[in-house]
Amino acid sequence: MLKNQNGITLVALVITIIVLLILAGITISLTLGEHGLIQRAQNAGNTYQQSANNEMNWLNYVDDYSNQLVYNATSNQ
């Protein structure tokens, strides 16, 4: 009578849970690890901020330089 029943066995259920725990551990490690996604995103944000600051400094320099050129050109006339 028990041999004709269809369903999941306890062994298959335990193996499935073990596989899911392994996959969850790998996912957490890749996300929160030393070189995980969160750390890489923070590094990318810092790099972006530094680049934006460098660009703003360069634009201010060019603006000041062009203003000096215009001022010198108008004051010499």
PDB file of N, CA and C in Angstrom:
ATOM      1  N   MET A   1       0.811  -1.190   0.000  1.00  0.00           N
ATOM      2  CA  MET A   1       0.000   0.000   0.000  1.00  0.00           C
ATOM      3  C   MET A   1       0.862   1.265   0.000  1.00  0.00           C
ATOM      4  N   LEU A   2       1.944   1.337   0.737  1.00  0.00           N
ATOM      5  CA  LEU A   2       2.811   2.500   0.765  1.00  0.00           C
ATOM      6  C   LEU A   2       3.621   2.638  -0.510  1.00  0.00           C
ATOM      7  N   LYS A   3       3.903   1.580  -1.215  1.00  0.00           N
ATOM      8  CA  LYS A   3       4.719   1.649  -2.414  1.00  0.00           C
ATOM      9  C   LYS A   3       3.996   2.325  -3.572  1.00  0.00           C
ATOM     10  N   ASN A   4       2.708   2.385  -3.545  1.00  0.00           N
ATOM     11  CA  ASN A   4       1.944   3.000  -4.628  1.00  0.00           C
ATOM     12  C   ASN A   4       1.733   4.497  -4.428  1.00  0.00           C
ATOM     13  N   GLN A   5       2.127   5.022  -3.287  1.00  0.00           N
ATOM     14  CA  GLN A   5       1.916   6.449  -3.022  1.00  0.00           C
ATOM     15  C   GLN A   5       3.018   7.274  -3.695  1.00  0.00           C
ATOM     16  N   ASN A   6       2.617   8.350  -4.280  1.00  0.00           N
ATOM     17  CA  ASN A   6       3.564   9.275  -4.902  1.00  0.00           C
ATOM     18  C   ASN A   6       3.736  10.483  -3.993  1.00  0.00           C
ATOM     19  N   GLY A   7       4.951  10.986  -3.940  1.00  0.00           N
ATOM     20  CA  GLY A   7       5.202  12.167  -3.135  1.00  0.00           C
ATOM     21  C   GLY A   7       6.691  12.342  -2.912  1.00  0.00           C
ATOM     22  N   ILE A   8       7.032  13.393  -2.199  1.00  0.00           N
ATOM     23  CA  ILE A   8       8.430  13.707  -1.964  1.00  0.00           C
ATOM     24  C   ILE A   8       8.902  12.930  -0.739  1.00  0.00           C
ATOM     25  N   THR A   9      10.099  12.448  -0.812  1.00  0.00           N
ATOM     26  CA  THR A   9      10.647  11.708   0.321  1.00  0.00           C
ATOM     27  C   THR A   9      11.388  12.659   1.246  1.00  0.00           C
ATOM     28  N   LEU A  10      11.631  12.208   2.446  1.00  0.00           N
ATOM     29  CA  LEU A  10      12.337  13.009   3.428  1.00  0.00           C
ATOM     30  C   LEU A  10      13.771  13.269   2.979  1.00  0.00           C
ATOM     31  N   VAL A  11      14.393  12.291   2.332  1.00  0.00           N
ATOM     32  CA  VAL A  11      15.761  12.450   1.845  1.00  0.00           C
ATOM     33  C   VAL A  11      15.818  13.540   0.777  1.00  0.00           C
ATOM     34  N   ALA A  12      14.874  13.550  -0.146  1.00  0.00           N
ATOM     35  CA  ALA A  12      14.849  14.565  -1.197  1.00  0.00           C
ATOM     36  C   ALA A  12      14.607  15.946  -0.593  1.00  0.00           C
ATOM     37  N   LEU A  13      13.786  16.034   0.420  1.00  0.00           N
ATOM     38  CA  LEU A  13      13.528  17.300   1.079  1.00  0.00           C
ATOM     39  C   LEU A  13      14.776  17.819   1.789  1.00  0.00           C
ATOM     40  N   VAL A  14      15.492  16.961   2.478  1.00  0.00           N
ATOM     41  CA  VAL A  14      16.714  17.361   3.174  1.00  0.00           C
ATOM     42  C   VAL A  14      17.778  17.797   2.173  1.00  0.00           C
ATOM     43  N   ILE A  15      17.928  17.074   1.082  1.00  0.00           N
ATOM     44  CA  ILE A  15      18.914  17.450   0.054  1.00  0.00           C
ATOM     45  C   ILE A  15      18.561  18.801  -0.550  1.00  0.00           C
ATOM     46  N   THR A  16      17.293  19.044  -0.806  1.00  0.00           N
ATOM     47  CA  THR A  16      16.854  20.326  -1.351  1.00  0.00           C
ATOM     48  C   THR A  16      17.164  21.472  -0.391  1.00  0.00           C
ATOM     49  N   ILE A  17      16.921  21.267   0.889  1.00  0.00           N
ATOM     50  CA  ILE A  17      17.208  22.297   1.883  1.00  0.00           C
ATOM     51  C   ILE A  17      18.707  22.561   1.971  1.00  0.00           C
ATOM     52  N   ILE A  18      19.515  21.518   1.917  1.00  0.00           N
ATOM     53  CA  ILE A  18      20.972  21.689   1.962  1.00  0.00           C
ATOM     54  C   ILE A  18      21.460  22.480   0.754  1.00  0.00           C
ATOM     55  N   VAL A  19      20.958  22.159  -0.417  1.00  0.00           N
ATOM     56  CA  VAL A  19      21.351  22.881  -1.629  1.00  0.00           C
ATOM     57  C   VAL A  19      20.943  24.349  -1.528  1.00  0.00           C
ATOM     58  N   LEU A  20      19.756  24.622  -1.022  1.00  0.00           N
ATOM     59  CA  LEU A  20      19.310  26.008  -0.865  1.00  0.00           C
ATOM     60  C   LEU A  20      20.159  26.761   0.148  1.00  0.00           C
ATOM     61  N   LEU A  21      20.572  26.107   1.225  1.00  0.00           N
ATOM     62  CA  LEU A  21      21.447  26.747   2.205  1.00  0.00           C
ATOM     63  C   LEU A  21      22.814  27.065   1.609  1.00  0.00           C
ATOM     64  N   ILE A  22      23.332  26.166   0.799  1.00  0.00           N
ATOM     65  CA  ILE A  22      24.617  26.416   0.138  1.00  0.00           C
ATOM     66  C   ILE A  22      24.495  27.611  -0.811  1.00  0.00           C
ATOM     67  N   LEU A  23      23.432  27.641  -1.591  1.00  0.00           N
ATOM     68  CA  LEU A  23      23.233  28.757  -2.524  1.00  0.00           C
ATOM     69  C   LEU A  23      23.035  30.078  -1.776  1.00  0.00           C
ATOM     70  N   ALA A  24      22.323  30.042  -0.656  1.00  0.00           N
ATOM     71  CA  ALA A  24      22.129  31.257   0.142  1.00  0.00           C
ATOM     72  C   ALA A  24      23.467  31.730   0.707  1.00  0.00           C
ATOM     73  N   GLY A  25      24.307  30.810   1.159  1.00  0.00           N
ATOM     74  CA  GLY A  25      25.618  31.180   1.679  1.00  0.00           C
ATOM     75  C   GLY A  25      26.496  31.816   0.619  1.00  0.00           C
ATOM     76  N   ILE A  26      26.470  31.265  -0.571  1.00  0.00           N
ATOM     77  CA  ILE A  26      27.260  31.818  -1.677  1.00  0.00           C
ATOM     78  C   ILE A  26      26.752  33.212  -2.037  1.00  0.00           C
ATOM     79  N   THR A  27      25.446  33.380  -2.074  1.00  0.00           N
ATOM     80  CA  THR A  27      24.863  34.683  -2.412  1.00  0.00           C
ATOM     81  C   THR A  27      25.222  35.736  -1.375  1.00  0.00           C
ATOM     82  N   ILE A  28      25.118  35.382  -0.109  1.00  0.00           N
ATOM     83  CA  ILE A  28      25.465  36.328   0.958  1.00  0.00           C
ATOM     84  C   ILE A  28      26.943  36.674   0.894  1.00  0.00           C
ATOM     85  N   SER A  29      27.783  35.687   0.637  1.00  0.00           N
ATOM     86  CA  SER A  29      29.222  35.930   0.534  1.00  0.00           C
ATOM     87  C   SER A  29      29.544  36.864  -0.623  1.00  0.00           C
ATOM     88  N   LEU A  30      28.909  36.667  -1.765  1.00  0.00           N
ATOM     89  CA  LEU A  30      29.159  37.524  -2.923  1.00  0.00           C
ATOM     90  C   LEU A  30      28.629  38.940  -2.712  1.00  0.00           C
ATOM     91  N   THR A  31      27.602  39.069  -1.910  1.00  0.00           N
ATOM     92  CA  THR A  31      27.016  40.389  -1.686  1.00  0.00           C
ATOM     93  C   THR A  31      27.738  41.168  -0.599  1.00  0.00           C
ATOM     94  N   LEU A  32      28.048  40.516   0.498  1.00  0.00           N
ATOM     95  CA  LEU A  32      28.578  41.210   1.661  1.00  0.00           C
ATOM     96  C   LEU A  32      30.059  40.969   1.901  1.00  0.00           C
ATOM     97  N   GLY A  33      30.707  40.174   1.083  1.00  0.00           N
ATOM     98  CA  GLY A  33      32.107  39.827   1.302  1.00  0.00           C
ATOM     99  C   GLY A  33      33.045  40.999   1.119  1.00  0.00           C
ATOM    100  N   GLU A  34      34.333  40.725   1.305  1.00  0.00           N
ATOM    101  CA  GLU A  34      35.360  41.766   1.220  1.00  0.00           C
ATOM    102  C   GLU A  34      35.368  42.446  -0.147  1.00  0.00           C
ATOM    103  N   HIS A  35      35.200  41.683  -1.201  1.00  0.00           N
ATOM    104  CA  HIS A  35      35.138  42.241  -2.549  1.00  0.00           C
ATOM    105  C   HIS A  35      33.748  42.017  -3.131  1.00  0.00           C
ATOM    106  N   GLY A  36      32.731  42.130  -2.289  1.00  0.00           N
ATOM    107  CA  GLY A  36      31.350  41.894  -2.702  1.00  0.00           C
ATOM    108  C   GLY A  36      30.758  43.054  -3.459  1.00  0.00           C
ATOM    109  N   LEU A  37      29.523  42.871  -3.832  1.00  0.00           N
ATOM    110  CA  LEU A  37      28.836  43.875  -4.640  1.00  0.00           C
ATOM    111  C   LEU A  37      28.680  45.198  -3.908  1.00  0.00           C
ATOM    112  N   ILE A  38      28.408  45.142  -2.621  1.00  0.00           N
ATOM    113  CA  ILE A  38      28.203  46.381  -1.873  1.00  0.00           C
ATOM    114  C   ILE A  38      29.507  47.171  -1.790  1.00  0.00           C
ATOM    115  N   GLN A  39      30.609  46.486  -1.510  1.00  0.00           N
ATOM    116  CA  GLN A  39      31.909  47.162  -1.434  1.00  0.00           C
ATOM    117  C   GLN A  39      32.297  47.746  -2.789  1.00  0.00           C
ATOM    118  N   ARG A  40      32.040  46.992  -3.846  1.00  0.00           N
ATOM    119  CA  ARG A  40      32.369  47.482  -5.177  1.00  0.00           C
ATOM    120  C   ARG A  40      31.518  48.686  -5.548  1.00  0.00           C
ATOM    121  N   ALA A  41      30.243  48.690  -5.136  1.00  0.00           N
ATOM    122  CA  ALA A  41      29.378  49.844  -5.403  1.00  0.00           C
ATOM    123  C   ALA A  41      29.850  51.072  -4.634  1.00  0.00           C
ATOM    124  N   GLN A  42      30.284  50.876  -3.389  1.00  0.00           N
ATOM    125  CA  GLN A  42      30.810  52.004  -2.617  1.00  0.00           C
ATOM    126  C   GLN A  42      32.085  52.548  -3.246  1.00  0.00           C
ATOM    127  N   ASN A  43      32.952  51.670  -3.701  1.00  0.00           N
ATOM    128  CA  ASN A  43      34.180  52.114  -4.367  1.00  0.00           C
ATOM    129  C   ASN A  43      33.865  52.879  -5.651  1.00  0.00           C
ATOM    130  N   ALA A  44      32.891  52.387  -6.399  1.00  0.00           N
ATOM    131  CA  ALA A  44      32.500  53.080  -7.633  1.00  0.00           C
ATOM    132  C   ALA A  44      31.925  54.452  -7.318  1.00  0.00           C
ATOM    133  N   GLY A  45      31.140  54.558  -6.249  1.00  0.00           N
ATOM    134  CA  GLY A  45      30.595  55.854  -5.843  1.00  0.00           C
ATOM    135  C   GLY A  45      31.688  56.825  -5.447  1.00  0.00           C
ATOM    136  N   ASN A  46      32.697  56.336  -4.722  1.00  0.00           N
ATOM    137  CA  ASN A  46      33.818  57.199  -4.336  1.00  0.00           C
ATOM    138  C   ASN A  46      34.609  57.654  -5.552  1.00  0.00           C
ATOM    139  N   THR A  47      34.841  56.743  -6.487  1.00  0.00           N
ATOM    140  CA  THR A  47      35.562  57.089  -7.712  1.00  0.00           C
ATOM    141  C   THR A  47      34.785  58.126  -8.519  1.00  0.00           C
ATOM    142  N   TYR A  48      33.472  57.954  -8.598  1.00  0.00           N
ATOM    143  CA  TYR A  48      32.635  58.916  -9.313  1.00  0.00           C
ATOM    144  C   TYR A  48      32.729  60.290  -8.655  1.00  0.00           C
ATOM    145  N   GLN A  49      32.659  60.331  -7.325  1.00  0.00           N
ATOM    146  CA  GLN A  49      32.708  61.611  -6.618  1.00  0.00           C
ATOM    147  C   GLN A  49      34.050  62.306  -6.843  1.00  0.00           C
ATOM    148  N   GLN A  50      35.140  61.548  -6.820  1.00  0.00           N
ATOM    149  CA  GLN A  50      36.457  62.130  -7.076  1.00  0.00           C
ATOM    150  C   GLN A  50      36.545  62.669  -8.500  1.00  0.00           C
ATOM    151  N   SER A  51      36.016  61.924  -9.440  1.00  0.00           N
ATOM    152  CA  SER A  51      36.041  62.376 -10.834  1.00  0.00           C
ATOM    153  C   SER A  51      35.191  63.631 -11.017  1.00  0.00           C
ATOM    154  N   ALA A  52      34.043  63.665 -10.362  1.00  0.00           N
ATOM    155  CA  ALA A  52      33.185  64.856 -10.454  1.00  0.00           C
ATOM    156  C   ALA A  52      33.888  66.072  -9.853  1.00  0.00           C
ATOM    157  N   ASN A  53      34.582  65.879  -8.741  1.00  0.00           N
ATOM    158  CA  ASN A  53      35.327  66.985  -8.130  1.00  0.00           C
ATOM    159  C   ASN A  53      36.460  67.451  -9.036  1.00  0.00           C
ATOM    160  N   ASN A  54      37.179  66.503  -9.639  1.00  0.00           N
ATOM    161  CA  ASN A  54      38.254  66.869 -10.561  1.00  0.00           C
ATOM    162  C   ASN A  54      37.714  67.643 -11.762  1.00  0.00           C
ATOM    163  N   GLU A  55      36.590  67.200 -12.275  1.00  0.00           N
ATOM    164  CA  GLU A  55      35.992  67.883 -13.418  1.00  0.00           C
ATOM    165  C   GLU A  55      35.547  69.291 -13.034  1.00  0.00           C
ATOM    166  N   MET A  56      34.950  69.429 -11.847  1.00  0.00           N
ATOM    167  CA  MET A  56      34.506  70.749 -11.396  1.00  0.00           C
ATOM    168  C   MET A  56      35.705  71.682 -11.206  1.00  0.00           C
ATOM    169  N   ASN A  57      36.799  71.171 -10.668  1.00  0.00           N
ATOM    170  CA  ASN A  57      38.011  71.983 -10.512  1.00  0.00           C
ATOM    171  C   ASN A  57      38.547  72.421 -11.869  1.00  0.00           C
ATOM    172  N   TRP A  58      38.560  71.511 -12.827  1.00  0.00           N
ATOM    173  CA  TRP A  58      39.047  71.836 -14.164  1.00  0.00           C
ATOM    174  C   TRP A  58      38.152  72.879 -14.828  1.00  0.00           C
ATOM    175  N   LEU A  59      36.831  72.717 -14.701  1.00  0.00           N
ATOM    176  CA  LEU A  59      35.915  73.687 -15.294  1.00  0.00           C
ATOM    177  C   LEU A  59      36.069  75.061 -14.651  1.00  0.00           C
ATOM    178  N   ASN A  60      36.268  75.096 -13.347  1.00  0.00           N
ATOM    179  CA  ASN A  60      36.507  76.383 -12.674  1.00  0.00           C
ATOM    180  C   ASN A  60      37.801  77.025 -13.165  1.00  0.00           C
ATOM    181  N   TYR A  61      38.840  76.220 -13.360  1.00  0.00           N
ATOM    182  CA  TYR A  61      40.108  76.732 -13.871  1.00  0.00           C
ATOM    183  C   TYR A  61      39.932  77.318 -15.264  1.00  0.00           C
ATOM    184  N   VAL A  62      39.244  76.580 -16.140  1.00  0.00           N
ATOM    185  CA  VAL A  62      39.026  77.052 -17.509  1.00  0.00           C
ATOM    186  C   VAL A  62      38.175  78.319 -17.498  1.00  0.00           C
ATOM    187  N   ASP A  63      37.156  78.351 -16.635  1.00  0.00           N
ATOM    188  CA  ASP A  63      36.312  79.543 -16.538  1.00  0.00           C
ATOM    189  C   ASP A  63      37.126  80.749 -16.072  1.00  0.00           C
ATOM    190  N   ASP A  64      37.943  80.575 -15.061  1.00  0.00           N
ATOM    191  CA  ASP A  64      38.787  81.679 -14.584  1.00  0.00           C
ATOM    192  C   ASP A  64      39.765  82.141 -15.667  1.00  0.00           C
ATOM    193  N   TYR A  65      40.355  81.199 -16.357  1.00  0.00           N
ATOM    194  CA  TYR A  65      41.312  81.531 -17.409  1.00  0.00           C
ATOM    195  C   TYR A  65      40.639  82.299 -18.539  1.00  0.00           C
ATOM    196  N   SER A  66      39.458  81.829 -18.950  1.00  0.00           N
ATOM    197  CA  SER A  66      38.760  82.529 -20.039  1.00  0.00           C
ATOM    198  C   SER A  66      38.302  83.916 -19.586  1.00  0.00           C
ATOM    199  N   ASN A  67      37.898  84.033 -18.329  1.00  0.00           N
ATOM    200  CA  ASN A  67      37.516  85.352 -17.822  1.00  0.00           C
ATOM    201  C   ASN A  67      38.711  86.299 -17.802  1.00  0.00           C
ATOM    202  N   GLN A  68      39.886  85.801 -17.461  1.00  0.00           N
ATOM    203  CA  GLN A  68      41.095  86.623 -17.480  1.00  0.00           C
ATOM    204  C   GLN A  68      41.433  87.062 -18.893  1.00  0.00           C
ATOM    205  N   LEU A  69      41.284  86.149 -19.849  1.00  0.00           N
ATOM    206  CA  LEU A  69      41.553  86.507 -21.240  1.00  0.00           C
ATOM    207  C   LEU A  69      40.599  87.597 -21.716  1.00  0.00           C
ATOM    208  N   VAL A  70      39.322  87.459 -21.394  1.00  0.00           N
ATOM    209  CA  VAL A  70      38.337  88.454 -21.811  1.00  0.00           C
ATOM    210  C   VAL A  70      38.619  89.785 -21.114  1.00  0.00           C
ATOM    211  N   TYR A  71      38.931  89.752 -19.835  1.00  0.00           N
ATOM    212  CA  TYR A  71      39.220  90.980 -19.095  1.00  0.00           C
ATOM    213  C   TYR A  71      40.456  91.675 -19.657  1.00  0.00           C
ATOM    214  N   ASN A  72      41.500  90.897 -19.943  1.00  0.00           N
ATOM    215  CA  ASN A  72      42.714  91.487 -20.508  1.00  0.00           C
ATOM    216  C   ASN A  72      42.474  92.049 -21.905  1.00  0.00           C
ATOM    217  N   ALA A  73      41.664  91.374 -22.689  1.00  0.00           N
ATOM    218  CA  ALA A  73      41.374  91.852 -24.046  1.00  0.00           C
ATOM    219  C   ALA A  73      40.562  93.132 -24.007  1.00  0.00           C
ATOM    220  N   THR A  74      39.620  93.232 -23.075  1.00  0.00           N
ATOM    221  CA  THR A  74      38.799  94.443 -23.006  1.00  0.00           C
ATOM    222  C   THR A  74      39.520  95.586 -22.337  1.00  0.00           C
ATOM    223  N   SER A  75      40.442  95.284 -21.422  1.00  0.00           N
ATOM    224  CA  SER A  75      41.156  96.368 -20.733  1.00  0.00           C
ATOM    225  C   SER A  75      42.275  96.942 -21.602  1.00  0.00           C
ATOM    226  N   ASN A  76      42.743  96.203 -22.592  1.00  0.00           N
ATOM    227  CA  ASN A  76      43.816  96.688 -23.479  1.00  0.00           C
ATOM    228  C   ASN A  76      43.261  97.564 -24.609  1.00  0.00           C
ATOM    229  N   GLN A  77      41.982  97.613 -24.781  1.00  0.00           N
ATOM    230  CA  GLN A  77      41.409  98.383 -25.895  1.00  0.00           C
ATOM    231  C   GLN A  77      41.285  99.810 -25.579  1.00  0.00           C
TER     232      GLN A  77
END
